[in-house]
């Protein structure tokens, strides 16, 4: 099962791109094409991370709503392992 510590690993790639951007800026002879590429990569990765966290949030909120309404328990919900077996059979 994933944990918040695992989710923290999703930011590692962003840290790497930010570090590359800092290094490029600190060199003095700035290559603006390289800066644009790094900034674009950073933006894409940040968008992807935001989408991931938004999806996780939506899933958690749905589960909480189900638990509050009582739909998350009882015979009406089929465990995933059973539903996969039923599909295969």
Protein backbone atom coordinates (compact mmCIF):
# COMPACT_ATOMS: atom_id res chain seq x y z
CA UNK A 1 0.00 0.00 0.00
CA UNK A 2 1.28 3.45 -0.89
CA UNK A 3 2.07 5.96 1.82
CA UNK A 4 2.69 9.68 2.01
CA UNK A 5 6.40 8.86 1.99
CA UNK A 6 5.87 7.16 -1.38
CA UNK A 7 3.99 10.20 -2.64
CA UNK A 8 6.96 12.33 -1.62
CA UNK A 9 9.04 10.41 -4.18
CA UNK A 10 6.85 11.89 -6.93
CA UNK A 11 8.48 15.26 -6.27
CA UNK A 12 12.04 13.95 -6.76
CA UNK A 13 11.95 14.53 -10.50
CA UNK A 14 10.74 18.10 -9.95
CA UNK A 15 13.62 18.69 -7.55
CA UNK A 16 16.05 17.44 -10.20
CA UNK A 17 14.72 19.81 -12.86
CA UNK A 18 14.75 22.76 -10.45
CA UNK A 19 18.37 21.96 -9.59
CA UNK A 20 19.27 21.87 -13.29
CA UNK A 21 17.57 25.24 -13.72
CA UNK A 22 19.53 26.72 -10.79
CA UNK A 23 22.79 25.34 -12.14
CA UNK A 24 22.11 26.78 -15.58
CA UNK A 25 21.30 30.19 -14.12
CA UNK A 26 24.43 30.17 -11.95
CA UNK A 27 26.81 29.54 -14.83
CA UNK A 28 26.85 33.11 -16.08
CA UNK A 29 26.72 32.39 -19.82
CA UNK A 30 23.01 31.63 -19.88
CA UNK A 31 21.57 29.52 -22.67
CA UNK A 32 18.00 30.80 -22.93
CA UNK A 33 16.91 27.90 -25.11
CA UNK A 34 18.05 25.53 -22.35
CA UNK A 35 16.22 27.62 -19.73
CA UNK A 36 13.03 27.52 -21.80
CA UNK A 37 13.31 23.73 -22.18
CA UNK A 38 13.90 23.25 -18.45
CA UNK A 39 11.05 25.57 -17.49
CA UNK A 40 8.74 23.78 -19.93
CA UNK A 41 9.74 20.39 -18.49
CA UNK A 42 9.20 21.70 -14.98
CA UNK A 43 5.73 22.97 -15.87
CA UNK A 44 4.73 19.68 -17.49
CA UNK A 45 5.93 17.67 -14.51
CA UNK A 46 4.20 20.00 -12.06
CA UNK A 47 0.94 19.66 -14.02
CA UNK A 48 1.27 15.88 -13.97
CA UNK A 49 1.89 15.91 -10.24
CA UNK A 50 -1.13 18.15 -9.67
CA UNK A 51 -3.29 15.78 -11.73
CA UNK A 52 -2.04 12.81 -9.71
CA UNK A 53 -2.80 14.46 -6.37
CA UNK A 54 -6.17 15.69 -7.62
CA UNK A 55 -7.08 12.15 -8.71
CA UNK A 56 -6.02 10.77 -5.33
CA UNK A 57 -8.06 13.44 -3.56
CA UNK A 58 -11.16 12.68 -5.64
CA UNK A 59 -10.83 8.96 -4.96
CA UNK A 60 -10.44 9.54 -1.22
CA UNK A 61 -13.39 11.91 -1.13
CA UNK A 62 -15.58 9.38 -2.97
CA UNK A 63 -14.59 6.66 -0.49
CA UNK A 64 -15.32 8.96 2.44
CA UNK A 65 -18.75 9.78 1.01
CA UNK A 66 -19.45 6.07 0.55
CA UNK A 67 -18.40 5.35 4.11
CA UNK A 68 -20.58 8.17 5.45
CA UNK A 69 -23.61 6.97 3.53
CA UNK A 70 -23.02 3.34 4.48
CA UNK A 71 -22.58 2.18 0.88
CA UNK A 72 -19.02 1.09 1.45
CA UNK A 73 -20.03 -1.91 3.59
CA UNK A 74 -22.15 -4.99 3.36
CA UNK A 75 -22.95 -7.43 0.61
CA UNK A 76 -23.54 -4.74 -2.02
CA UNK A 77 -19.81 -4.16 -2.44
CA UNK A 78 -17.82 -6.96 -4.06
CA UNK A 79 -14.13 -7.28 -3.18
CA UNK A 80 -11.85 -6.63 -6.14
CA UNK A 81 -10.36 -10.12 -6.07
CA UNK A 82 -13.83 -11.65 -6.46
CA UNK A 83 -14.82 -9.28 -9.26
CA UNK A 84 -11.62 -10.10 -11.16
CA UNK A 85 -12.30 -13.82 -10.77
CA UNK A 86 -15.84 -13.38 -12.02
CA UNK A 87 -14.61 -11.54 -15.12
CA UNK A 88 -12.07 -14.24 -15.93
CA UNK A 89 -14.52 -17.11 -15.41
